[in-house]
């Protein structure tokens, strides 16, 4: 059976689990929210809900450099105590997230950060694509909604699949770490630099270069 967006939203609010994890749990339980909650608990994904409201101001700013300096990432990941922030387990998690950002190139941490303006612009593009594909207008809106979810998966860190374990989203990985460590953990912000990004690359004209040398 098709799982409604409202059911996913309710499950997410009741458990604190990630959007995709909630949808998968509802798919597996045929839309039964109570069974889905139990399933998420079995997987250790709803334990994060009780910790989500705790203040997390400690942690680390982790860096990752890739390709001999061609890509660099800084990411701030918070936890509740300085003690946890200094543990090898927390540092390894931060390192994995920084490495993932370097590889997957997200634009945002979570879907809520996507501006209304950008979202509407993307919807218009997707709608035009669907109509150009000859799809009936009555189903275009549903198609756009599905493709917007793909957009979130592509550009929002929390909904991307972890490069080291493609069966898990970053949200799943985070909730598992919260359950294991026992503190609230939050991926707050990141910045990613790629050498030459946004610059117009110089195109060498070898004919002109040779002629310039000849005419000297």
N, C-alpha and C. Protein backbone atom coordinates (compact mmCIF):
# COMPACT_ATOMS: atom_id res chain seq x y z
N UNK A 1 0.84 -1.20 0.00
CA UNK A 1 0.00 0.00 0.00
C UNK A 1 0.88 1.25 0.00
N UNK A 2 0.32 2.33 -0.58
CA UNK A 2 1.07 3.59 -0.63
C UNK A 2 1.03 4.26 0.74
N UNK A 3 2.17 4.71 1.18
CA UNK A 3 2.27 5.38 2.48
C UNK A 3 2.06 6.87 2.29
N UNK A 4 1.18 7.47 3.08
CA UNK A 4 0.88 8.90 2.94
C UNK A 4 1.96 9.75 3.59
N UNK A 5 2.10 10.96 3.06
CA UNK A 5 3.09 11.88 3.62
C UNK A 5 2.74 12.25 5.06
N UNK A 6 1.44 12.32 5.38
CA UNK A 6 1.02 12.67 6.74
C UNK A 6 1.41 11.59 7.74
N UNK A 7 1.36 10.31 7.30
CA UNK A 7 1.76 9.21 8.18
C UNK A 7 3.26 9.25 8.45
N UNK A 8 4.02 9.56 7.41
CA UNK A 8 5.47 9.68 7.57
C UNK A 8 5.80 10.82 8.53
N UNK A 9 5.09 11.93 8.37
CA UNK A 9 5.31 13.11 9.22
C UNK A 9 4.98 12.77 10.68
N UNK A 10 3.86 12.09 10.90
CA UNK A 10 3.47 11.73 12.27
C UNK A 10 4.50 10.81 12.91
N UNK A 11 4.96 9.81 12.14
CA UNK A 11 5.94 8.87 12.67
C UNK A 11 7.25 9.58 13.00
N UNK A 12 7.62 10.50 12.13
CA UNK A 12 8.87 11.25 12.37
C UNK A 12 8.76 12.08 13.64
N UNK A 13 7.60 12.72 13.85
CA UNK A 13 7.41 13.56 15.03
C UNK A 13 7.38 12.73 16.31
N UNK A 14 6.85 11.51 16.22
CA UNK A 14 6.73 10.65 17.40
C UNK A 14 8.03 9.92 17.75
N UNK A 15 8.89 9.74 16.78
CA UNK A 15 10.11 8.97 17.04
C UNK A 15 11.40 9.77 16.91
N UNK A 16 11.38 10.85 16.12
CA UNK A 16 12.60 11.60 15.87
C UNK A 16 13.49 10.95 14.85
N UNK A 17 13.03 9.85 14.25
CA UNK A 17 13.82 9.16 13.22
C UNK A 17 13.79 9.95 11.92
N UNK A 18 14.71 9.64 11.01
CA UNK A 18 14.79 10.34 9.74
C UNK A 18 13.59 10.07 8.84
N UNK A 19 13.35 10.98 7.91
CA UNK A 19 12.21 10.87 7.00
C UNK A 19 12.22 9.56 6.22
N UNK A 20 13.37 9.22 5.65
CA UNK A 20 13.45 8.00 4.85
C UNK A 20 13.31 6.75 5.71
N UNK A 21 13.86 6.79 6.92
CA UNK A 21 13.72 5.65 7.83
C UNK A 21 12.26 5.44 8.21
N UNK A 22 11.54 6.54 8.42
CA UNK A 22 10.11 6.45 8.76
C UNK A 22 9.32 5.86 7.60
N UNK A 23 9.62 6.31 6.40
CA UNK A 23 8.90 5.79 5.23
C UNK A 23 9.17 4.30 5.05
N UNK A 24 10.42 3.90 5.21
CA UNK A 24 10.77 2.48 5.06
C UNK A 24 10.06 1.63 6.12
N UNK A 25 10.00 2.14 7.36
CA UNK A 25 9.34 1.41 8.44
C UNK A 25 7.85 1.26 8.15
N UNK A 26 7.23 2.30 7.63
CA UNK A 26 5.81 2.23 7.29
C UNK A 26 5.56 1.30 6.12
N UNK A 27 6.48 1.32 5.16
CA UNK A 27 6.37 0.39 4.03
C UNK A 27 6.41 -1.06 4.52
N UNK A 28 7.32 -1.32 5.45
CA UNK A 28 7.51 -2.68 5.96
C UNK A 28 6.37 -3.14 6.85
N UNK A 29 5.62 -2.19 7.43
CA UNK A 29 4.53 -2.55 8.34
C UNK A 29 3.16 -2.23 7.75
N UNK A 30 3.14 -2.02 6.41
CA UNK A 30 1.86 -1.73 5.71
C UNK A 30 1.12 -0.53 6.29
N UNK A 31 1.88 0.47 6.70
CA UNK A 31 1.27 1.72 7.16
C UNK A 31 0.83 1.74 8.60
N UNK A 32 1.09 0.68 9.36
CA UNK A 32 0.71 0.62 10.77
C UNK A 32 1.73 1.40 11.60
N UNK A 33 1.33 2.55 12.14
CA UNK A 33 2.26 3.45 12.83
C UNK A 33 2.82 2.81 14.10
N UNK A 34 1.96 2.13 14.88
CA UNK A 34 2.45 1.51 16.12
C UNK A 34 3.50 0.44 15.83
N UNK A 35 3.24 -0.37 14.80
CA UNK A 35 4.22 -1.40 14.42
C UNK A 35 5.50 -0.76 13.88
N UNK A 36 5.32 0.36 13.17
CA UNK A 36 6.48 1.07 12.62
C UNK A 36 7.34 1.64 13.74
N UNK A 37 6.70 2.14 14.79
CA UNK A 37 7.44 2.66 15.95
C UNK A 37 8.24 1.53 16.60
N UNK A 38 7.60 0.37 16.76
CA UNK A 38 8.29 -0.77 17.35
C UNK A 38 9.47 -1.20 16.48
N UNK A 39 9.28 -1.16 15.16
CA UNK A 39 10.35 -1.55 14.24
C UNK A 39 11.53 -0.60 14.34
N UNK A 40 11.24 0.69 14.42
CA UNK A 40 12.31 1.69 14.54
C UNK A 40 13.06 1.51 15.86
N UNK A 41 12.33 1.18 16.92
CA UNK A 41 12.98 0.95 18.21
C UNK A 41 13.90 -0.26 18.15
N UNK A 42 13.42 -1.31 17.46
CA UNK A 42 14.24 -2.51 17.31
C UNK A 42 15.55 -2.18 16.60
N UNK A 43 15.47 -1.27 15.64
CA UNK A 43 16.65 -0.90 14.87
C UNK A 43 17.50 0.17 15.57
N UNK A 44 16.99 0.64 16.72
CA UNK A 44 17.75 1.64 17.47
C UNK A 44 17.68 3.03 16.86
N UNK A 45 16.62 3.28 16.06
CA UNK A 45 16.54 4.56 15.36
C UNK A 45 15.64 5.58 16.04
N UNK A 46 14.84 5.15 17.00
CA UNK A 46 13.95 6.10 17.67
C UNK A 46 14.50 6.57 19.01
N UNK A 47 15.59 5.98 19.45
CA UNK A 47 16.18 6.39 20.73
C UNK A 47 16.63 7.84 20.70
N UNK A 48 16.90 8.34 19.51
CA UNK A 48 17.37 9.72 19.37
C UNK A 48 16.30 10.73 19.75
N UNK A 49 15.04 10.34 19.69
CA UNK A 49 13.95 11.28 19.93
C UNK A 49 14.01 11.88 21.33
N UNK A 50 14.29 11.05 22.34
CA UNK A 50 14.32 11.53 23.71
C UNK A 50 15.50 12.45 23.98
N UNK A 51 16.48 12.45 23.11
CA UNK A 51 17.69 13.25 23.31
C UNK A 51 17.72 14.50 22.42
N UNK A 52 16.77 14.57 21.47
CA UNK A 52 16.82 15.61 20.45
C UNK A 52 16.73 17.02 21.03
N UNK A 53 16.03 17.17 22.17
CA UNK A 53 15.85 18.50 22.74
C UNK A 53 17.00 18.97 23.61
N UNK A 54 17.95 18.10 23.87
CA UNK A 54 19.06 18.48 24.73
C UNK A 54 20.00 19.45 24.03
N UNK A 55 20.57 20.35 24.81
CA UNK A 55 21.49 21.34 24.26
C UNK A 55 22.83 20.68 23.95
N UNK A 56 23.30 20.89 22.72
CA UNK A 56 24.59 20.32 22.31
C UNK A 56 25.47 21.45 21.79
N UNK A 57 26.42 21.88 22.61
CA UNK A 57 27.29 23.00 22.23
C UNK A 57 28.76 22.62 22.22
N UNK A 58 29.06 21.39 22.65
CA UNK A 58 30.44 20.91 22.58
C UNK A 58 30.63 20.20 21.25
N UNK A 59 31.77 19.54 21.08
CA UNK A 59 31.99 18.81 19.84
C UNK A 59 33.30 19.15 19.18
N UNK A 60 33.25 19.22 17.85
CA UNK A 60 34.49 19.40 17.10
C UNK A 60 34.21 20.05 15.75
N UNK A 61 35.19 20.79 15.26
CA UNK A 61 35.20 21.23 13.86
C UNK A 61 36.22 20.34 13.17
N UNK A 62 35.73 19.44 12.34
CA UNK A 62 36.59 18.46 11.68
C UNK A 62 36.93 18.92 10.26
N UNK A 63 38.14 18.59 9.82
CA UNK A 63 38.56 18.94 8.46
C UNK A 63 38.90 17.69 7.67
N UNK A 64 38.77 17.79 6.37
CA UNK A 64 39.14 16.68 5.49
C UNK A 64 39.66 17.26 4.18
N UNK A 65 40.83 16.82 3.77
CA UNK A 65 41.44 17.29 2.52
C UNK A 65 41.58 16.09 1.60
N UNK A 66 41.16 16.25 0.36
CA UNK A 66 41.16 15.13 -0.60
C UNK A 66 41.89 15.53 -1.88
N UNK A 67 42.47 14.52 -2.52
CA UNK A 67 43.05 14.72 -3.85
C UNK A 67 44.24 15.65 -3.87
N UNK A 68 45.10 15.53 -2.87
CA UNK A 68 46.28 16.37 -2.84
C UNK A 68 45.98 17.85 -2.69
N UNK A 69 44.88 18.15 -2.03
CA UNK A 69 44.52 19.55 -1.79
C UNK A 69 43.50 20.11 -2.75
N UNK A 70 42.89 19.27 -3.59
CA UNK A 70 41.91 19.77 -4.56
C UNK A 70 40.53 19.99 -3.96
N UNK A 71 40.19 19.24 -2.90
CA UNK A 71 38.91 19.40 -2.22
C UNK A 71 39.16 19.47 -0.72
N UNK A 72 38.54 20.46 -0.08
CA UNK A 72 38.67 20.61 1.37
C UNK A 72 37.32 20.82 2.02
N UNK A 73 37.14 20.23 3.20
CA UNK A 73 35.87 20.33 3.92
C UNK A 73 36.12 20.69 5.38
N UNK A 74 35.29 21.58 5.91
CA UNK A 74 35.21 21.85 7.34
C UNK A 74 33.77 21.59 7.76
N UNK A 75 33.58 20.81 8.82
CA UNK A 75 32.23 20.53 9.31
C UNK A 75 32.19 20.66 10.83
N UNK A 76 31.16 21.31 11.34
CA UNK A 76 30.97 21.43 12.78
C UNK A 76 29.93 20.41 13.22
N UNK A 77 30.34 19.54 14.15
CA UNK A 77 29.45 18.54 14.70
C UNK A 77 29.42 18.70 16.21
N UNK A 78 28.22 18.86 16.77
CA UNK A 78 28.07 19.15 18.20
C UNK A 78 27.60 17.93 18.99
N UNK A 79 28.02 17.90 20.24
CA UNK A 79 27.54 16.92 21.20
C UNK A 79 27.31 17.66 22.52
N UNK A 80 26.90 16.93 23.55
CA UNK A 80 26.53 17.59 24.80
C UNK A 80 27.70 17.88 25.73
N UNK A 81 28.70 17.00 25.72
CA UNK A 81 29.81 17.15 26.68
C UNK A 81 31.16 17.16 25.98
N UNK A 82 32.08 17.86 26.61
CA UNK A 82 33.46 17.91 26.10
C UNK A 82 34.09 16.52 26.12
N UNK A 83 33.70 15.71 27.11
CA UNK A 83 34.25 14.36 27.23
C UNK A 83 33.95 13.54 25.97
N UNK A 84 32.68 13.54 25.54
CA UNK A 84 32.29 12.78 24.34
C UNK A 84 32.97 13.35 23.11
N UNK A 85 33.07 14.68 23.05
CA UNK A 85 33.69 15.33 21.89
C UNK A 85 35.14 14.93 21.68
N UNK A 86 35.78 14.43 22.73
CA UNK A 86 37.20 14.04 22.63
C UNK A 86 37.39 12.54 22.43
N UNK A 87 36.30 11.78 22.41
CA UNK A 87 36.43 10.33 22.25
C UNK A 87 36.77 9.97 20.81
N UNK A 88 37.45 8.85 20.65
CA UNK A 88 37.81 8.37 19.31
C UNK A 88 36.56 8.07 18.48
N UNK A 89 35.52 7.55 19.13
CA UNK A 89 34.30 7.20 18.41
C UNK A 89 33.64 8.44 17.81
N UNK A 90 33.58 9.52 18.58
CA UNK A 90 32.98 10.76 18.08
C UNK A 90 33.84 11.37 16.97
N UNK A 91 35.15 11.37 17.18
CA UNK A 91 36.06 11.93 16.18
C UNK A 91 36.00 11.14 14.87
N UNK A 92 35.88 9.83 14.98
CA UNK A 92 35.78 8.99 13.77
C UNK A 92 34.50 9.30 13.01
N UNK A 93 33.40 9.51 13.75
CA UNK A 93 32.13 9.88 13.13
C UNK A 93 32.27 11.21 12.39
N UNK A 94 32.88 12.19 13.05
CA UNK A 94 33.07 13.51 12.44
C UNK A 94 33.93 13.40 11.18
N UNK A 95 34.94 12.58 11.25
CA UNK A 95 35.83 12.37 10.09
C UNK A 95 35.06 11.74 8.93
N UNK A 96 34.22 10.77 9.24
CA UNK A 96 33.41 10.11 8.21
C UNK A 96 32.46 11.10 7.54
N UNK A 97 31.87 11.98 8.34
CA UNK A 97 30.93 12.96 7.78
C UNK A 97 31.67 13.94 6.87
N UNK A 98 32.85 14.40 7.31
CA UNK A 98 33.63 15.33 6.49
C UNK A 98 34.05 14.67 5.18
N UNK A 99 34.46 13.40 5.25
CA UNK A 99 34.84 12.67 4.04
C UNK A 99 33.64 12.49 3.11
N UNK A 100 32.49 12.19 3.68
CA UNK A 100 31.27 12.04 2.88
C UNK A 100 30.93 13.34 2.15
N UNK A 101 31.04 14.46 2.85
CA UNK A 101 30.73 15.76 2.24
C UNK A 101 31.66 16.03 1.07
N UNK A 102 32.93 15.68 1.23
CA UNK A 102 33.89 15.86 0.14
C UNK A 102 33.47 15.05 -1.08
N UNK A 103 33.01 13.82 -0.85
CA UNK A 103 32.66 12.93 -1.96
C UNK A 103 31.31 13.23 -2.56
N UNK A 104 30.29 13.52 -1.72
CA UNK A 104 28.91 13.63 -2.19
C UNK A 104 28.48 15.06 -2.53
N UNK A 105 29.23 16.05 -2.06
CA UNK A 105 28.98 17.46 -2.40
C UNK A 105 27.54 17.92 -2.14
N UNK A 106 27.03 17.77 -0.90
CA UNK A 106 25.70 18.30 -0.59
C UNK A 106 25.71 19.83 -0.57
N UNK A 107 24.51 20.41 -0.71
CA UNK A 107 24.39 21.87 -0.62
C UNK A 107 23.89 22.31 0.75
N UNK A 108 23.12 21.45 1.40
CA UNK A 108 22.48 21.80 2.66
C UNK A 108 22.67 20.67 3.67
N UNK A 109 22.48 20.98 4.94
CA UNK A 109 22.50 19.93 5.96
C UNK A 109 21.19 19.17 5.92
N UNK A 110 20.06 19.90 5.92
CA UNK A 110 18.74 19.27 5.94
C UNK A 110 17.78 19.99 5.02
N UNK A 111 16.68 19.33 4.67
CA UNK A 111 15.75 19.88 3.68
C UNK A 111 15.13 21.21 4.10
N UNK A 112 15.00 21.43 5.41
CA UNK A 112 14.40 22.68 5.88
C UNK A 112 15.23 23.91 5.50
N UNK A 113 16.49 23.71 5.13
CA UNK A 113 17.36 24.83 4.77
C UNK A 113 17.18 25.27 3.32
N UNK A 114 16.50 24.47 2.52
CA UNK A 114 16.26 24.85 1.12
C UNK A 114 15.25 25.98 1.11
N UNK A 115 15.61 27.09 0.47
CA UNK A 115 14.72 28.25 0.46
C UNK A 115 13.47 27.97 -0.36
N UNK A 116 12.38 28.66 0.00
CA UNK A 116 11.13 28.52 -0.73
C UNK A 116 11.32 28.91 -2.19
N UNK A 117 12.12 29.95 -2.40
CA UNK A 117 12.37 30.43 -3.77
C UNK A 117 13.06 29.36 -4.61
N UNK A 118 14.08 28.74 -4.05
CA UNK A 118 14.79 27.71 -4.81
C UNK A 118 13.92 26.48 -5.04
N UNK A 119 13.13 26.14 -4.02
CA UNK A 119 12.26 24.97 -4.13
C UNK A 119 11.21 25.18 -5.23
N UNK A 120 10.61 26.36 -5.26
CA UNK A 120 9.61 26.64 -6.29
C UNK A 120 10.23 26.64 -7.69
N UNK A 121 11.44 27.17 -7.78
CA UNK A 121 12.15 27.18 -9.06
C UNK A 121 12.41 25.75 -9.54
N UNK A 122 12.83 24.89 -8.62
CA UNK A 122 13.09 23.49 -8.97
C UNK A 122 11.80 22.78 -9.38
N UNK A 123 10.72 23.07 -8.68
CA UNK A 123 9.43 22.46 -9.01
C UNK A 123 8.98 22.85 -10.42
N UNK A 124 9.20 24.12 -10.79
CA UNK A 124 8.83 24.58 -12.13
C UNK A 124 9.63 23.84 -13.19
N UNK A 125 10.92 23.65 -12.93
CA UNK A 125 11.78 22.94 -13.88
C UNK A 125 11.30 21.49 -14.02
N UNK A 126 11.02 20.84 -12.90
CA UNK A 126 10.58 19.45 -12.91
C UNK A 126 9.22 19.30 -13.59
N UNK A 127 8.35 20.28 -13.36
CA UNK A 127 7.03 20.24 -14.00
C UNK A 127 7.16 20.35 -15.50
N UNK A 128 8.02 21.27 -15.95
CA UNK A 128 8.25 21.45 -17.39
C UNK A 128 8.84 20.18 -18.00
N UNK A 129 9.76 19.55 -17.28
CA UNK A 129 10.36 18.30 -17.77
C UNK A 129 9.31 17.21 -17.93
N UNK A 130 8.42 17.09 -16.95
CA UNK A 130 7.39 16.06 -17.00
C UNK A 130 6.42 16.30 -18.16
N UNK A 131 6.05 17.56 -18.35
CA UNK A 131 5.14 17.89 -19.46
C UNK A 131 5.81 17.65 -20.81
N UNK A 132 7.09 17.96 -20.90
CA UNK A 132 7.84 17.72 -22.14
C UNK A 132 8.00 16.23 -22.44
N UNK A 133 7.91 15.42 -21.38
CA UNK A 133 7.97 13.98 -21.57
C UNK A 133 6.63 13.41 -22.02
N UNK A 134 5.63 14.29 -22.11
CA UNK A 134 4.32 13.86 -22.57
C UNK A 134 3.43 13.29 -21.48
N UNK A 135 3.78 13.55 -20.21
CA UNK A 135 2.99 13.02 -19.12
C UNK A 135 1.68 13.80 -18.98
N UNK A 136 0.58 13.12 -18.66
CA UNK A 136 -0.71 13.81 -18.46
C UNK A 136 -0.61 14.80 -17.31
N UNK A 137 -1.21 15.97 -17.48
CA UNK A 137 -1.09 17.01 -16.47
C UNK A 137 -1.64 16.58 -15.12
N UNK A 138 -2.62 15.68 -15.12
CA UNK A 138 -3.24 15.27 -13.85
C UNK A 138 -2.28 14.47 -12.96
N UNK A 139 -1.25 13.87 -13.55
CA UNK A 139 -0.31 13.11 -12.72
C UNK A 139 1.03 13.84 -12.55
N UNK A 140 1.15 15.00 -13.20
CA UNK A 140 2.42 15.74 -13.14
C UNK A 140 2.77 16.17 -11.73
N UNK A 141 1.75 16.62 -10.96
CA UNK A 141 2.01 17.09 -9.60
C UNK A 141 2.59 15.98 -8.73
N UNK A 142 2.05 14.76 -8.86
CA UNK A 142 2.58 13.63 -8.09
C UNK A 142 4.00 13.31 -8.52
N UNK A 143 4.26 13.41 -9.83
CA UNK A 143 5.61 13.16 -10.33
C UNK A 143 6.59 14.18 -9.78
N UNK A 144 6.17 15.44 -9.75
CA UNK A 144 7.03 16.51 -9.24
C UNK A 144 7.36 16.28 -7.77
N UNK A 145 6.35 15.86 -7.00
CA UNK A 145 6.56 15.59 -5.57
C UNK A 145 7.60 14.48 -5.39
N UNK A 146 7.50 13.43 -6.20
CA UNK A 146 8.45 12.34 -6.12
C UNK A 146 9.85 12.78 -6.51
N UNK A 147 9.93 13.62 -7.54
CA UNK A 147 11.24 14.08 -8.00
C UNK A 147 11.85 15.10 -7.03
N UNK A 148 11.02 15.84 -6.32
CA UNK A 148 11.53 16.76 -5.30
C UNK A 148 12.18 15.97 -4.17
N UNK A 149 11.59 14.82 -3.83
CA UNK A 149 12.22 13.96 -2.82
C UNK A 149 13.59 13.48 -3.29
N UNK A 150 13.71 13.20 -4.58
CA UNK A 150 15.01 12.81 -5.15
C UNK A 150 15.99 13.98 -5.06
N UNK A 151 15.46 15.19 -5.26
CA UNK A 151 16.28 16.40 -5.14
C UNK A 151 16.84 16.51 -3.72
N UNK A 152 15.99 16.28 -2.72
CA UNK A 152 16.44 16.31 -1.34
C UNK A 152 17.52 15.25 -1.10
N UNK A 153 17.30 14.06 -1.65
CA UNK A 153 18.27 12.97 -1.47
C UNK A 153 19.62 13.34 -2.08
N UNK A 154 19.57 14.10 -3.16
CA UNK A 154 20.81 14.45 -3.84
C UNK A 154 21.57 15.58 -3.16
N UNK A 155 20.83 16.57 -2.65
CA UNK A 155 21.49 17.80 -2.18
C UNK A 155 21.47 18.03 -0.67
N UNK A 156 20.65 17.30 0.08
CA UNK A 156 20.58 17.50 1.54
C UNK A 156 21.37 16.40 2.25
N UNK A 157 22.37 16.79 2.99
CA UNK A 157 23.28 15.86 3.64
C UNK A 157 22.56 14.77 4.42
N UNK A 158 21.58 15.15 5.25
CA UNK A 158 20.91 14.18 6.11
C UNK A 158 20.18 13.10 5.33
N UNK A 159 19.82 13.38 4.08
CA UNK A 159 19.05 12.42 3.29
C UNK A 159 19.89 11.70 2.24
N UNK A 160 21.16 12.04 2.17
CA UNK A 160 22.06 11.34 1.25
C UNK A 160 22.41 9.97 1.83
N UNK A 161 22.74 9.04 0.94
CA UNK A 161 23.20 7.72 1.39
C UNK A 161 24.70 7.78 1.65
N UNK A 162 25.09 7.27 2.79
CA UNK A 162 26.47 7.32 3.27
C UNK A 162 27.38 6.60 2.27
N UNK A 163 28.43 7.28 1.83
CA UNK A 163 29.29 6.73 0.78
C UNK A 163 30.00 5.45 1.21
N UNK A 164 30.24 5.28 2.51
CA UNK A 164 30.92 4.09 2.99
C UNK A 164 29.95 2.93 3.27
N UNK A 165 28.66 3.24 3.32
CA UNK A 165 27.63 2.22 3.54
C UNK A 165 26.34 2.70 2.89
N UNK A 166 26.16 2.44 1.59
CA UNK A 166 25.01 2.96 0.83
C UNK A 166 23.65 2.46 1.30
N UNK A 167 23.60 1.52 2.24
CA UNK A 167 22.32 1.07 2.78
C UNK A 167 21.80 2.01 3.86
N UNK A 168 22.63 2.95 4.30
CA UNK A 168 22.24 3.88 5.37
C UNK A 168 22.26 5.31 4.87
N UNK A 169 21.28 6.09 5.31
CA UNK A 169 21.35 7.53 5.08
C UNK A 169 22.21 8.15 6.19
N UNK A 170 22.63 9.39 5.97
CA UNK A 170 23.38 10.09 7.02
C UNK A 170 22.50 10.25 8.26
N UNK A 171 21.20 10.46 8.06
CA UNK A 171 20.27 10.56 9.19
C UNK A 171 20.27 9.27 10.01
N UNK A 172 20.24 8.13 9.32
CA UNK A 172 20.29 6.83 10.01
C UNK A 172 21.59 6.69 10.78
N UNK A 173 22.70 7.02 10.12
CA UNK A 173 24.01 6.92 10.75
C UNK A 173 24.07 7.80 12.00
N UNK A 174 23.55 9.02 11.91
CA UNK A 174 23.55 9.94 13.04
C UNK A 174 22.74 9.38 14.20
N UNK A 175 21.53 8.89 13.91
CA UNK A 175 20.67 8.37 14.97
C UNK A 175 21.28 7.13 15.63
N UNK A 176 21.94 6.31 14.84
CA UNK A 176 22.63 5.15 15.42
C UNK A 176 23.74 5.60 16.37
N UNK A 177 24.45 6.65 15.97
CA UNK A 177 25.54 7.16 16.81
C UNK A 177 24.99 7.77 18.10
N UNK A 178 23.86 8.47 18.00
CA UNK A 178 23.22 9.03 19.20
C UNK A 178 22.83 7.91 20.16
N UNK A 179 22.25 6.85 19.60
CA UNK A 179 21.83 5.71 20.41
C UNK A 179 23.02 5.03 21.09
N UNK A 180 24.13 4.92 20.36
CA UNK A 180 25.31 4.24 20.89
C UNK A 180 26.02 5.09 21.95
N UNK A 181 26.20 6.38 21.65
CA UNK A 181 26.96 7.27 22.55
C UNK A 181 26.12 7.71 23.75
N UNK A 182 24.81 7.89 23.52
CA UNK A 182 23.93 8.29 24.62
C UNK A 182 23.82 9.78 24.82
N UNK A 183 24.27 10.56 23.84
CA UNK A 183 24.13 12.02 23.90
C UNK A 183 23.50 12.51 22.60
N UNK A 184 22.89 13.70 22.70
CA UNK A 184 22.40 14.34 21.48
C UNK A 184 23.60 14.76 20.64
N UNK A 185 23.53 14.49 19.36
CA UNK A 185 24.58 14.88 18.41
C UNK A 185 23.92 15.61 17.26
N UNK A 186 24.52 16.68 16.83
CA UNK A 186 23.95 17.47 15.75
C UNK A 186 25.01 17.88 14.74
N UNK A 187 24.72 17.62 13.47
CA UNK A 187 25.59 18.14 12.40
C UNK A 187 25.09 19.56 12.11
N UNK A 188 25.85 20.54 12.54
CA UNK A 188 25.35 21.91 12.52
C UNK A 188 25.53 22.60 11.17
N UNK A 189 26.75 22.55 10.63
CA UNK A 189 27.03 23.29 9.40
C UNK A 189 28.32 22.76 8.78
N UNK A 190 28.50 23.09 7.52
CA UNK A 190 29.72 22.68 6.84
C UNK A 190 30.03 23.66 5.71
N UNK A 191 31.27 23.62 5.26
CA UNK A 191 31.67 24.36 4.07
C UNK A 191 32.59 23.45 3.27
N UNK A 192 32.41 23.45 1.97
CA UNK A 192 33.21 22.60 1.09
C UNK A 192 33.85 23.46 0.01
N UNK A 193 35.15 23.31 -0.16
CA UNK A 193 35.89 24.05 -1.18
C UNK A 193 36.42 23.08 -2.22
N UNK A 194 36.29 23.45 -3.48
CA UNK A 194 36.88 22.66 -4.55
C UNK A 194 37.74 23.58 -5.40
N UNK A 195 38.97 23.20 -5.62
CA UNK A 195 39.93 24.04 -6.32
C UNK A 195 39.38 24.49 -7.67
N UNK A 196 39.36 25.81 -7.88
CA UNK A 196 38.91 26.36 -9.16
C UNK A 196 37.41 26.44 -9.32
N UNK A 197 36.65 26.02 -8.33
CA UNK A 197 35.19 26.04 -8.44
C UNK A 197 34.68 27.47 -8.62
N UNK A 198 33.84 27.67 -9.60
CA UNK A 198 33.25 28.98 -9.86
C UNK A 198 34.11 29.88 -10.72
N UNK A 199 35.31 29.45 -11.03
CA UNK A 199 36.19 30.25 -11.88
C UNK A 199 36.12 29.75 -13.32
N UNK A 200 36.27 30.67 -14.23
CA UNK A 200 36.33 30.28 -15.63
C UNK A 200 37.74 29.77 -15.91
N UNK A 201 37.80 28.50 -16.28
CA UNK A 201 39.10 27.90 -16.53
C UNK A 201 39.72 28.46 -17.81
N UNK A 202 41.01 28.75 -17.75
CA UNK A 202 41.72 29.29 -18.91
C UNK A 202 41.86 28.22 -19.99
N UNK A 203 41.47 28.55 -21.19
CA UNK A 203 41.60 27.65 -22.33
C UNK A 203 42.79 28.10 -23.17
N UNK A 204 43.83 27.31 -23.16
CA UNK A 204 45.03 27.67 -23.91
C UNK A 204 44.81 27.51 -25.42
N UNK A 205 45.21 28.53 -26.18
CA UNK A 205 45.15 28.45 -27.64
C UNK A 205 46.58 28.23 -28.12
N UNK A 206 46.91 26.97 -28.43
CA UNK A 206 48.30 26.63 -28.73
C UNK A 206 48.76 27.23 -30.06
N UNK A 207 47.86 27.41 -31.02
CA UNK A 207 48.23 28.01 -32.31
C UNK A 207 48.69 29.45 -32.09
N UNK A 208 47.90 30.21 -31.32
CA UNK A 208 48.26 31.60 -31.04
C UNK A 208 49.56 31.67 -30.25
N UNK A 209 49.73 30.73 -29.33
CA UNK A 209 50.95 30.72 -28.52
C UNK A 209 52.18 30.48 -29.39
N UNK A 210 52.08 29.53 -30.31
CA UNK A 210 53.20 29.25 -31.21
C UNK A 210 53.49 30.42 -32.11
N UNK A 211 52.44 31.05 -32.67
CA UNK A 211 52.62 32.18 -33.57
C UNK A 211 53.23 33.36 -32.84
N UNK A 212 52.86 33.52 -31.61
CA UNK A 212 53.42 34.61 -30.82
C UNK A 212 54.93 34.42 -30.64
N UNK A 213 55.35 33.17 -30.46
CA UNK A 213 56.76 32.88 -30.31
C UNK A 213 57.52 33.09 -31.64
N UNK A 214 56.89 32.71 -32.75
CA UNK A 214 57.52 32.85 -34.08
C UNK A 214 57.73 34.29 -34.44
N UNK A 215 56.75 35.15 -34.10
CA UNK A 215 56.79 36.56 -34.50
C UNK A 215 57.65 37.43 -33.60
N UNK A 216 58.25 36.83 -32.58
CA UNK A 216 59.11 37.63 -31.70
C UNK A 216 60.39 38.01 -32.40
